Amino acid sequence: MISLIKVILLVLLIATCIASAYYSLRSHRSSDPIDRGLFGAITNILMGFMLIILAITFMFVFQGSTPSVIVEALFMVLGVFNLFAGIRNRKHYVQQKSKTQAI
């Protein structure tokens, strides 16, 4: 059961890493500033998920030494921060895009 969870976490980690790289490239190549911000926000959301998944994976792999717990907690906090910052930024850029399209 634990090995199945590790495999699922690995697949999710790889998927979020690839998706994050894809949206990061789209963000850097976009000429429209609203699209650039929107793709950057999606990248932040995916990076947040990736860090949270990485922290959960570390919890299954390492057995609770003090340095590993500190690293896991740090990844978890950074992941949650990236996730909420990305959601907030995405909401802002979606509103800006709808205002621009309404005009």
Protein backbone atom coordinates (compact mmCIF):
# COMPACT_ATOMS: atom_id res chain seq x y z
CA MET A 1 0.00 0.00 0.00
CA ILE A 2 2.80 2.41 0.90
CA SER A 3 4.62 1.61 -2.33
CA LEU A 4 1.45 2.40 -4.31
CA ILE A 5 1.18 5.77 -2.55
CA LYS A 6 4.84 6.48 -3.35
CA VAL A 7 4.27 5.66 -7.03
CA ILE A 8 1.17 7.89 -7.17
CA LEU A 9 3.08 10.73 -5.50
CA LEU A 10 5.96 10.28 -7.96
CA VAL A 11 3.60 10.40 -10.94
CA LEU A 12 1.91 13.52 -9.53
CA LEU A 13 5.30 15.11 -8.88
CA ILE A 14 6.45 14.49 -12.45
CA ALA A 15 3.12 15.70 -13.89
CA THR A 16 3.18 18.95 -11.89
CA CYS A 17 6.84 19.50 -12.79
CA ILE A 18 6.14 19.11 -16.51
CA ALA A 19 3.00 21.26 -16.36
CA SER A 20 4.82 23.92 -14.36
CA ALA A 21 7.64 24.05 -16.91
CA TYR A 22 5.10 24.27 -19.74
CA TYR A 23 3.21 27.20 -18.22
CA SER A 24 6.47 28.90 -17.27
CA LEU A 25 7.59 28.76 -20.89
CA ARG A 26 4.21 30.06 -22.03
CA SER A 27 4.51 32.88 -19.50
CA HIS A 28 7.95 33.91 -20.71
CA ARG A 29 7.03 33.71 -24.39
CA SER A 30 3.74 35.58 -24.14
CA SER A 31 3.70 39.14 -25.43
CA ASP A 32 0.42 40.12 -23.73
CA PRO A 33 1.07 41.21 -20.12
CA ILE A 34 -2.28 39.86 -18.91
CA ASP A 35 -1.60 36.44 -20.43
CA ARG A 36 1.93 36.56 -19.01
CA GLY A 37 0.55 37.19 -15.54
CA LEU A 38 -2.13 34.53 -15.93
CA PHE A 39 0.35 31.89 -17.02
CA GLY A 40 2.71 32.96 -14.23
CA ALA A 41 -0.11 32.53 -11.71
CA ILE A 42 -0.84 29.05 -13.02
CA THR A 43 2.87 28.29 -12.73
CA ASN A 44 2.77 29.41 -9.08
CA ILE A 45 -0.22 27.19 -8.39
CA LEU A 46 1.50 24.19 -9.95
CA MET A 47 4.75 24.93 -8.11
CA GLY A 48 2.78 25.06 -4.87
CA PHE A 49 1.25 21.66 -5.58
CA MET A 50 4.68 20.34 -6.53
CA LEU A 51 6.25 21.50 -3.26
CA ILE A 52 3.39 20.07 -1.21
CA ILE A 53 3.67 16.73 -3.02
CA LEU A 54 7.43 16.78 -2.49
CA ALA A 55 6.96 17.37 1.24
CA ILE A 56 4.45 14.51 1.47
CA THR A 57 6.85 12.27 -0.46
CA PHE A 58 9.65 13.12 1.98
CA MET A 59 7.33 12.19 4.83
CA PHE A 60 6.95 8.69 3.37
CA VAL A 61 10.63 8.27 2.46
CA PHE A 62 12.48 9.63 5.50
CA GLN A 63 11.77 8.48 9.03
CA GLY A 64 11.37 11.65 11.07
CA SER A 65 14.86 12.94 11.83
CA THR A 66 14.97 16.57 12.89
CA PRO A 67 16.56 17.95 9.68
CA SER A 68 14.11 16.06 7.47
CA VAL A 69 11.13 17.32 9.48
CA ILE A 70 12.42 20.88 9.13
CA VAL A 71 12.85 20.48 5.35
CA GLU A 72 9.40 18.88 5.03
CA ALA A 73 7.79 21.70 7.00
CA LEU A 74 9.65 24.32 4.96
CA PHE A 75 8.54 22.74 1.66
CA MET A 76 4.98 22.49 2.94
CA VAL A 77 4.89 26.17 4.00
CA LEU A 78 6.45 27.34 0.74
CA GLY A 79 4.04 25.17 -1.23
CA VAL A 80 0.97 26.52 0.56
CA PHE A 81 2.25 30.09 0.13
CA ASN A 82 2.84 29.55 -3.62
CA LEU A 83 -0.55 27.91 -3.98
CA PHE A 84 -2.48 30.76 -2.34
CA ALA A 85 -0.40 33.46 -4.04
CA GLY A 86 -1.02 31.81 -7.40
CA ILE A 87 -4.76 31.56 -6.75
CA ARG A 88 -4.89 35.22 -5.73
CA ASN A 89 -2.88 36.31 -8.79
CA ARG A 90 -4.94 34.15 -11.13
CA LYS A 91 -8.14 35.70 -9.80
CA HIS A 92 -6.71 39.17 -10.40
CA TYR A 93 -5.60 38.44 -13.97
CA VAL A 94 -8.87 36.70 -14.88
CA GLN A 95 -10.73 39.84 -13.75
CA GLN A 96 -8.35 42.03 -15.78
CA LYS A 97 -8.81 39.82 -18.85
CA SER A 98 -12.60 39.96 -18.57
CA LYS A 99 -12.47 43.75 -18.27
CA THR A 100 -10.26 43.97 -21.35
CA GLN A 101 -12.52 41.68 -23.40
CA ALA A 102 -15.66 43.57 -22.31
CA ILE A 103 -14.31 46.83 -23.73
